[in-house]
């Protein structure tokens, strides 16, 4: 099976989420038991809601277990070149933004985390500070200047 790249921060976040869901699952199991004691399950809305929540928690726990099983921590390879796990400062159209190159499952553009397989991520890989790249946008090309690699 193919390994899934994660930053150390991303792995810690997954482990914390797993702990929280495990605790929440215990409480939900108690809710299911209390609702079951109320009698007729076919018309018991509380029971159905608790079972649905339990199903959702179990689904999330299976997803996290899969990621933790196949996760591999990102190792920084180069001090100068941008690679997986690099945090970089970019300038485009006079605006400066900070991004981190991460694996596909950890990507979240709102948090400044972009996948190495995204169009921007692909263009940035193996580049160095003070280089420029061009990305095709739907209506035009966007020129991006790499100010520096933070780490």
N, C-alpha and C. Protein backbone atom coordinates (compact mmCIF):
# COMPACT_ATOMS: atom_id res chain seq x y z
N UNK A 1 0.84 -1.19 0.00
CA UNK A 1 0.00 0.00 0.00
C UNK A 1 0.88 1.24 0.00
N UNK A 2 0.42 2.24 -0.69
CA UNK A 2 1.16 3.49 -0.80
C UNK A 2 1.11 4.27 0.52
N UNK A 3 2.24 4.82 0.91
CA UNK A 3 2.32 5.62 2.12
C UNK A 3 1.69 6.99 1.88
N UNK A 4 1.11 7.58 2.92
CA UNK A 4 0.44 8.87 2.82
C UNK A 4 1.28 9.90 3.58
N UNK A 5 1.80 10.93 2.88
CA UNK A 5 2.64 11.91 3.56
C UNK A 5 1.84 12.85 4.46
N UNK A 6 2.33 13.07 5.67
CA UNK A 6 1.74 14.00 6.63
C UNK A 6 2.84 14.77 7.32
N UNK A 7 2.57 16.02 7.68
CA UNK A 7 3.50 16.77 8.51
C UNK A 7 3.36 16.26 9.94
N UNK A 8 4.34 16.54 10.77
CA UNK A 8 4.26 16.15 12.19
C UNK A 8 3.02 16.78 12.82
N UNK A 9 2.78 18.03 12.48
CA UNK A 9 1.60 18.75 13.00
C UNK A 9 0.31 18.05 12.57
N UNK A 10 0.26 17.61 11.33
CA UNK A 10 -0.91 16.92 10.82
C UNK A 10 -1.15 15.59 11.51
N UNK A 11 -0.07 14.85 11.80
CA UNK A 11 -0.20 13.59 12.52
C UNK A 11 -0.69 13.81 13.94
N UNK A 12 -0.17 14.83 14.61
CA UNK A 12 -0.62 15.14 15.97
C UNK A 12 -2.10 15.53 15.98
N UNK A 13 -2.50 16.28 14.98
CA UNK A 13 -3.91 16.69 14.86
C UNK A 13 -4.81 15.46 14.68
N UNK A 14 -4.37 14.51 13.87
CA UNK A 14 -5.13 13.27 13.68
C UNK A 14 -5.24 12.48 14.99
N UNK A 15 -4.15 12.37 15.72
CA UNK A 15 -4.16 11.62 16.98
C UNK A 15 -5.08 12.28 18.00
N UNK A 16 -5.04 13.60 18.05
CA UNK A 16 -5.91 14.34 18.98
C UNK A 16 -7.38 14.13 18.60
N UNK A 17 -7.67 14.20 17.31
CA UNK A 17 -9.04 13.99 16.84
C UNK A 17 -9.50 12.57 17.19
N UNK A 18 -8.60 11.60 17.06
CA UNK A 18 -8.94 10.21 17.40
C UNK A 18 -9.29 10.09 18.88
N UNK A 19 -8.52 10.73 19.75
CA UNK A 19 -8.80 10.70 21.18
C UNK A 19 -10.16 11.32 21.50
N UNK A 20 -10.42 12.50 20.89
CA UNK A 20 -11.70 13.19 21.13
C UNK A 20 -12.88 12.34 20.65
N UNK A 21 -12.74 11.73 19.49
CA UNK A 21 -13.83 10.90 18.97
C UNK A 21 -14.04 9.65 19.82
N UNK A 22 -12.97 9.09 20.33
CA UNK A 22 -13.08 7.91 21.20
C UNK A 22 -13.86 8.26 22.46
N UNK A 23 -13.57 9.43 23.05
CA UNK A 23 -14.32 9.89 24.22
C UNK A 23 -15.78 10.14 23.87
N UNK A 24 -16.00 10.81 22.75
CA UNK A 24 -17.36 11.11 22.31
C UNK A 24 -18.14 9.83 22.03
N UNK A 25 -17.45 8.82 21.53
CA UNK A 25 -18.10 7.54 21.23
C UNK A 25 -18.62 6.89 22.50
N UNK A 26 -17.83 6.94 23.58
CA UNK A 26 -18.26 6.36 24.86
C UNK A 26 -19.56 7.01 25.34
N UNK A 27 -19.63 8.34 25.23
CA UNK A 27 -20.83 9.07 25.65
C UNK A 27 -22.01 8.71 24.75
N UNK A 28 -21.76 8.56 23.48
CA UNK A 28 -22.83 8.25 22.53
C UNK A 28 -23.36 6.83 22.76
N UNK A 29 -22.49 5.90 23.09
CA UNK A 29 -22.93 4.53 23.39
C UNK A 29 -23.87 4.56 24.60
N UNK A 30 -23.56 5.38 25.61
CA UNK A 30 -24.44 5.52 26.77
C UNK A 30 -25.79 6.10 26.34
N UNK A 31 -25.78 7.07 25.43
CA UNK A 31 -27.03 7.66 24.93
C UNK A 31 -27.87 6.62 24.20
N UNK A 32 -27.23 5.78 23.42
CA UNK A 32 -27.95 4.72 22.70
C UNK A 32 -28.58 3.76 23.70
N UNK A 33 -27.86 3.41 24.75
CA UNK A 33 -28.38 2.49 25.77
C UNK A 33 -29.58 3.11 26.49
N UNK A 34 -29.47 4.39 26.87
CA UNK A 34 -30.60 5.06 27.55
C UNK A 34 -31.82 5.12 26.64
N UNK A 35 -31.58 5.44 25.36
CA UNK A 35 -32.69 5.54 24.41
C UNK A 35 -33.33 4.18 24.17
N UNK A 36 -32.53 3.13 24.18
CA UNK A 36 -33.03 1.77 23.97
C UNK A 36 -33.95 1.36 25.11
N UNK A 37 -33.65 1.83 26.31
CA UNK A 37 -34.45 1.48 27.50
C UNK A 37 -35.83 2.14 27.48
N UNK A 38 -36.03 3.12 26.62
CA UNK A 38 -37.30 3.84 26.56
C UNK A 38 -38.41 3.05 25.88
N UNK A 39 -38.07 1.94 25.29
CA UNK A 39 -39.12 1.10 24.71
C UNK A 39 -39.06 1.02 23.20
N UNK A 40 -40.22 1.14 22.56
CA UNK A 40 -40.41 0.94 21.12
C UNK A 40 -39.36 1.69 20.30
N UNK A 41 -38.44 0.94 19.68
CA UNK A 41 -37.34 1.55 18.92
C UNK A 41 -37.78 2.08 17.57
N UNK A 42 -38.89 1.55 17.03
CA UNK A 42 -39.32 1.98 15.69
C UNK A 42 -39.83 3.43 15.69
N UNK A 43 -40.28 3.93 16.83
CA UNK A 43 -40.77 5.31 16.90
C UNK A 43 -39.94 6.16 17.85
N UNK A 44 -38.78 5.70 18.21
CA UNK A 44 -37.93 6.39 19.17
C UNK A 44 -36.91 7.27 18.42
N UNK A 45 -37.22 8.56 18.32
CA UNK A 45 -36.35 9.50 17.61
C UNK A 45 -34.99 9.67 18.27
N UNK A 46 -34.98 9.64 19.61
CA UNK A 46 -33.72 9.78 20.34
C UNK A 46 -32.78 8.61 20.03
N UNK A 47 -33.35 7.41 19.95
CA UNK A 47 -32.55 6.22 19.62
C UNK A 47 -31.98 6.34 18.21
N UNK A 48 -32.82 6.74 17.26
CA UNK A 48 -32.36 6.86 15.87
C UNK A 48 -31.25 7.91 15.75
N UNK A 49 -31.43 9.03 16.45
CA UNK A 49 -30.41 10.10 16.40
C UNK A 49 -29.10 9.62 17.02
N UNK A 50 -29.18 8.93 18.15
CA UNK A 50 -27.97 8.44 18.81
C UNK A 50 -27.27 7.39 17.96
N UNK A 51 -28.04 6.50 17.34
CA UNK A 51 -27.44 5.48 16.45
C UNK A 51 -26.76 6.14 15.25
N UNK A 52 -27.39 7.17 14.70
CA UNK A 52 -26.82 7.88 13.57
C UNK A 52 -25.51 8.56 13.96
N UNK A 53 -25.50 9.18 15.14
CA UNK A 53 -24.27 9.83 15.62
C UNK A 53 -23.17 8.79 15.85
N UNK A 54 -23.54 7.65 16.41
CA UNK A 54 -22.58 6.57 16.64
C UNK A 54 -21.99 6.08 15.32
N UNK A 55 -22.84 5.93 14.32
CA UNK A 55 -22.38 5.50 13.00
C UNK A 55 -21.39 6.52 12.43
N UNK A 56 -21.70 7.81 12.57
CA UNK A 56 -20.83 8.87 12.06
C UNK A 56 -19.47 8.87 12.79
N UNK A 57 -19.49 8.70 14.09
CA UNK A 57 -18.25 8.65 14.86
C UNK A 57 -17.40 7.46 14.44
N UNK A 58 -18.03 6.30 14.28
CA UNK A 58 -17.30 5.10 13.86
C UNK A 58 -16.68 5.27 12.47
N UNK A 59 -17.42 5.93 11.58
CA UNK A 59 -16.91 6.18 10.22
C UNK A 59 -15.67 7.07 10.29
N UNK A 60 -15.73 8.13 11.10
CA UNK A 60 -14.58 9.02 11.25
C UNK A 60 -13.39 8.32 11.88
N UNK A 61 -13.65 7.47 12.87
CA UNK A 61 -12.57 6.72 13.51
C UNK A 61 -11.90 5.75 12.52
N UNK A 62 -12.68 5.12 11.65
CA UNK A 62 -12.10 4.22 10.64
C UNK A 62 -11.20 5.01 9.68
N UNK A 63 -11.66 6.20 9.27
CA UNK A 63 -10.87 7.05 8.37
C UNK A 63 -9.54 7.44 9.03
N UNK A 64 -9.60 7.86 10.29
CA UNK A 64 -8.39 8.26 11.00
C UNK A 64 -7.46 7.07 11.18
N UNK A 65 -8.00 5.90 11.51
CA UNK A 65 -7.18 4.70 11.68
C UNK A 65 -6.46 4.37 10.37
N UNK A 66 -7.17 4.51 9.25
CA UNK A 66 -6.55 4.26 7.94
C UNK A 66 -5.38 5.22 7.72
N UNK A 67 -5.61 6.52 7.96
CA UNK A 67 -4.56 7.50 7.76
C UNK A 67 -3.36 7.22 8.67
N UNK A 68 -3.62 6.91 9.93
CA UNK A 68 -2.52 6.65 10.86
C UNK A 68 -1.76 5.37 10.51
N UNK A 69 -2.46 4.41 9.94
CA UNK A 69 -1.81 3.16 9.54
C UNK A 69 -0.83 3.39 8.40
N UNK A 70 -1.23 4.18 7.43
CA UNK A 70 -0.42 4.38 6.22
C UNK A 70 0.32 5.71 6.18
N UNK A 71 0.22 6.51 7.25
CA UNK A 71 0.88 7.81 7.28
C UNK A 71 2.39 7.65 7.41
N UNK A 72 3.09 8.54 6.75
CA UNK A 72 4.54 8.60 6.89
C UNK A 72 4.90 10.07 7.11
N UNK A 73 5.69 10.37 8.15
CA UNK A 73 6.05 11.76 8.40
C UNK A 73 6.90 12.33 7.26
N UNK A 74 6.66 13.57 6.93
CA UNK A 74 7.41 14.25 5.89
C UNK A 74 8.80 14.57 6.42
N UNK A 75 9.80 14.21 5.65
CA UNK A 75 11.18 14.52 6.02
C UNK A 75 11.68 15.64 5.11
N UNK A 76 12.23 16.66 5.72
CA UNK A 76 12.79 17.76 4.96
C UNK A 76 14.08 17.29 4.28
N UNK A 77 14.13 17.44 2.98
CA UNK A 77 15.27 16.95 2.21
C UNK A 77 16.29 18.05 1.93
N UNK A 78 15.81 19.19 1.50
CA UNK A 78 16.71 20.24 1.05
C UNK A 78 16.54 21.52 1.88
N UNK A 79 17.65 22.19 2.12
CA UNK A 79 17.58 23.47 2.83
C UNK A 79 17.18 24.59 1.89
N UNK A 80 17.54 24.48 0.62
CA UNK A 80 17.31 25.56 -0.33
C UNK A 80 16.09 25.34 -1.21
N UNK A 81 15.87 24.12 -1.65
CA UNK A 81 14.78 23.85 -2.59
C UNK A 81 13.47 23.57 -1.84
N UNK A 82 12.39 23.94 -2.48
CA UNK A 82 11.06 23.71 -1.91
C UNK A 82 10.69 22.25 -2.13
N UNK A 83 10.30 21.60 -1.04
CA UNK A 83 9.86 20.22 -1.12
C UNK A 83 8.69 20.02 -0.17
N UNK A 84 8.22 18.80 -0.05
CA UNK A 84 7.11 18.47 0.82
C UNK A 84 7.44 18.88 2.25
N UNK A 85 6.56 19.63 2.89
CA UNK A 85 6.79 20.10 4.24
C UNK A 85 7.38 21.50 4.32
N UNK A 86 7.73 22.09 3.18
CA UNK A 86 8.32 23.43 3.17
C UNK A 86 7.25 24.49 3.42
N UNK A 87 7.65 25.51 4.17
CA UNK A 87 6.80 26.68 4.36
C UNK A 87 7.47 27.80 3.58
N UNK A 88 6.69 28.49 2.76
CA UNK A 88 7.27 29.48 1.85
C UNK A 88 6.46 30.78 1.87
N UNK A 89 7.12 31.84 1.51
CA UNK A 89 6.51 33.16 1.41
C UNK A 89 6.48 33.54 -0.06
N UNK A 90 5.27 33.80 -0.59
CA UNK A 90 5.08 34.11 -2.00
C UNK A 90 4.50 35.50 -2.18
N UNK A 91 4.79 36.10 -3.33
CA UNK A 91 4.19 37.39 -3.68
C UNK A 91 3.54 37.26 -5.04
N UNK A 92 2.29 37.71 -5.12
CA UNK A 92 1.57 37.75 -6.39
C UNK A 92 0.69 38.98 -6.42
N UNK A 93 0.79 39.71 -7.49
CA UNK A 93 0.00 40.93 -7.69
C UNK A 93 0.12 41.88 -6.50
N UNK A 94 1.34 42.00 -5.95
CA UNK A 94 1.59 42.92 -4.85
C UNK A 94 1.15 42.41 -3.49
N UNK A 95 0.63 41.22 -3.43
CA UNK A 95 0.15 40.65 -2.17
C UNK A 95 1.09 39.52 -1.72
N UNK A 96 1.43 39.52 -0.43
CA UNK A 96 2.31 38.51 0.13
C UNK A 96 1.49 37.48 0.90
N UNK A 97 1.77 36.19 0.65
CA UNK A 97 1.06 35.12 1.35
C UNK A 97 2.05 34.03 1.74
N UNK A 98 1.72 33.36 2.84
CA UNK A 98 2.54 32.26 3.34
C UNK A 98 1.81 30.95 3.07
N UNK A 99 2.53 29.96 2.54
CA UNK A 99 1.96 28.65 2.25
C UNK A 99 2.87 27.55 2.78
N UNK A 100 2.26 26.39 3.01
CA UNK A 100 3.02 25.20 3.37
C UNK A 100 2.64 24.11 2.38
N UNK A 101 3.63 23.40 1.86
CA UNK A 101 3.40 22.30 0.92
C UNK A 101 3.18 21.03 1.74
N UNK A 102 2.01 20.41 1.60
CA UNK A 102 1.66 19.23 2.38
C UNK A 102 1.13 18.13 1.47
N UNK A 103 0.83 16.97 2.07
CA UNK A 103 0.25 15.86 1.33
C UNK A 103 -1.21 16.15 0.98
N UNK A 104 -1.77 15.37 0.07
CA UNK A 104 -3.13 15.59 -0.42
C UNK A 104 -4.18 15.61 0.68
N UNK A 105 -4.09 14.72 1.66
CA UNK A 105 -5.14 14.59 2.66
C UNK A 105 -5.05 15.64 3.76
N UNK A 106 -3.95 16.36 3.80
CA UNK A 106 -3.76 17.39 4.80
C UNK A 106 -4.01 18.80 4.23
N UNK A 107 -4.15 18.88 2.92
CA UNK A 107 -4.30 20.17 2.25
C UNK A 107 -5.55 20.91 2.72
N UNK A 108 -5.40 22.21 2.94
CA UNK A 108 -6.51 23.09 3.31
C UNK A 108 -6.11 24.51 2.94
N UNK A 109 -6.51 24.97 1.75
CA UNK A 109 -6.10 26.29 1.28
C UNK A 109 -6.45 27.43 2.24
N UNK A 110 -7.54 27.30 2.97
CA UNK A 110 -7.91 28.35 3.93
C UNK A 110 -6.87 28.52 5.03
N UNK A 111 -6.18 27.42 5.35
CA UNK A 111 -5.12 27.47 6.36
C UNK A 111 -3.75 27.69 5.73
N UNK A 112 -3.71 27.90 4.43
CA UNK A 112 -2.43 28.11 3.75
C UNK A 112 -1.67 26.82 3.50
N UNK A 113 -2.36 25.69 3.51
CA UNK A 113 -1.72 24.40 3.27
C UNK A 113 -2.17 23.90 1.90
N UNK A 114 -1.20 23.79 0.98
CA UNK A 114 -1.54 23.36 -0.37
C UNK A 114 -0.86 22.02 -0.68
N UNK A 115 -1.57 21.22 -1.45
CA UNK A 115 -1.07 19.90 -1.82
C UNK A 115 0.08 20.00 -2.81
N UNK A 116 1.00 19.07 -2.70
CA UNK A 116 2.11 19.02 -3.66
C UNK A 116 1.59 18.64 -5.04
N UNK A 117 0.37 18.13 -5.13
CA UNK A 117 -0.21 17.75 -6.42
C UNK A 117 -1.14 18.80 -7.00
N UNK A 118 -1.35 19.90 -6.28
CA UNK A 118 -2.16 21.00 -6.82
C UNK A 118 -1.35 21.71 -7.91
N UNK A 119 -1.99 22.45 -8.79
CA UNK A 119 -1.23 23.17 -9.82
C UNK A 119 -0.12 24.06 -9.24
N UNK A 120 -0.44 24.80 -8.17
CA UNK A 120 0.58 25.66 -7.56
C UNK A 120 1.66 24.82 -6.89
N UNK A 121 1.25 23.78 -6.17
CA UNK A 121 2.21 22.91 -5.49
C UNK A 121 3.18 22.26 -6.46
N UNK A 122 2.67 21.78 -7.59
CA UNK A 122 3.54 21.15 -8.61
C UNK A 122 4.57 22.13 -9.13
N UNK A 123 4.14 23.36 -9.38
CA UNK A 123 5.06 24.37 -9.91
C UNK A 123 6.12 24.78 -8.89
N UNK A 124 5.75 24.76 -7.61
CA UNK A 124 6.70 25.20 -6.58
C UNK A 124 7.74 24.15 -6.23
N UNK A 125 7.41 22.88 -6.40
CA UNK A 125 8.33 21.81 -6.01
C UNK A 125 9.68 21.97 -6.70
N UNK A 126 10.74 21.83 -5.93
CA UNK A 126 12.14 21.91 -6.37
C UNK A 126 12.58 23.29 -6.84
N UNK A 127 11.77 24.31 -6.58
CA UNK A 127 12.19 25.68 -6.88
C UNK A 127 12.94 26.24 -5.67
N UNK A 128 13.62 27.38 -5.87
CA UNK A 128 14.38 28.02 -4.81
C UNK A 128 13.87 29.44 -4.60
N UNK A 129 14.30 30.06 -3.50
CA UNK A 129 13.95 31.45 -3.23
C UNK A 129 14.40 32.33 -4.39
N UNK A 130 13.71 33.43 -4.57
CA UNK A 130 14.01 34.44 -5.59
C UNK A 130 13.71 33.98 -7.01
N UNK A 131 12.97 32.89 -7.17
CA UNK A 131 12.56 32.46 -8.51
C UNK A 131 11.12 32.89 -8.75
N UNK A 132 10.76 32.98 -10.01
CA UNK A 132 9.38 33.28 -10.40
C UNK A 132 8.79 32.10 -11.13
N UNK A 133 7.48 31.92 -10.98
CA UNK A 133 6.76 30.87 -11.71
C UNK A 133 5.48 31.47 -12.27
N UNK A 134 4.91 30.81 -13.25
CA UNK A 134 3.63 31.23 -13.82
C UNK A 134 2.64 30.09 -13.71
N UNK A 135 1.44 30.42 -13.27
CA UNK A 135 0.37 29.45 -13.12
C UNK A 135 -0.77 29.86 -14.04
N UNK A 136 -1.35 28.88 -14.71
CA UNK A 136 -2.51 29.16 -15.57
C UNK A 136 -3.77 29.22 -14.71
N UNK A 137 -4.43 30.37 -14.73
CA UNK A 137 -5.72 30.55 -14.08
C UNK A 137 -6.79 30.44 -15.17
N UNK A 138 -8.05 30.35 -14.79
CA UNK A 138 -9.10 30.21 -15.82
C UNK A 138 -9.07 31.30 -16.89
N UNK A 139 -8.75 32.54 -16.52
CA UNK A 139 -8.80 33.64 -17.49
C UNK A 139 -7.45 34.20 -17.89
N UNK A 140 -6.40 33.84 -17.17
CA UNK A 140 -5.09 34.43 -17.48
C UNK A 140 -3.98 33.64 -16.79
N UNK A 141 -2.75 34.10 -17.03
CA UNK A 141 -1.61 33.54 -16.32
C UNK A 141 -1.33 34.42 -15.11
N UNK A 142 -0.97 33.77 -14.02
CA UNK A 142 -0.63 34.50 -12.80
C UNK A 142 0.85 34.30 -12.54
N UNK A 143 1.56 35.42 -12.39
CA UNK A 143 2.99 35.35 -12.11
C UNK A 143 3.18 35.40 -10.59
N UNK A 144 3.95 34.44 -10.07
CA UNK A 144 4.18 34.33 -8.63
C UNK A 144 5.69 34.38 -8.38
N UNK A 145 6.06 35.19 -7.43
CA UNK A 145 7.47 35.35 -7.06
C UNK A 145 7.69 34.66 -5.71
N UNK A 146 8.69 33.79 -5.63
CA UNK A 146 9.03 33.09 -4.38
C UNK A 146 9.96 34.00 -3.60
N UNK A 147 9.47 34.61 -2.54
CA UNK A 147 10.27 35.52 -1.73
C UNK A 147 11.33 34.74 -0.97
N UNK A 148 10.88 33.73 -0.19
CA UNK A 148 11.85 32.92 0.54
C UNK A 148 11.22 31.64 1.06
N UNK A 149 12.07 30.67 1.32
CA UNK A 149 11.66 29.44 1.98
C UNK A 149 11.89 29.65 3.46
N UNK A 150 10.82 29.58 4.24
CA UNK A 150 10.92 29.82 5.68
C UNK A 150 11.57 28.62 6.37
N UNK A 151 11.11 27.43 6.01
CA UNK A 151 11.73 26.17 6.48
C UNK A 151 11.34 25.05 5.57
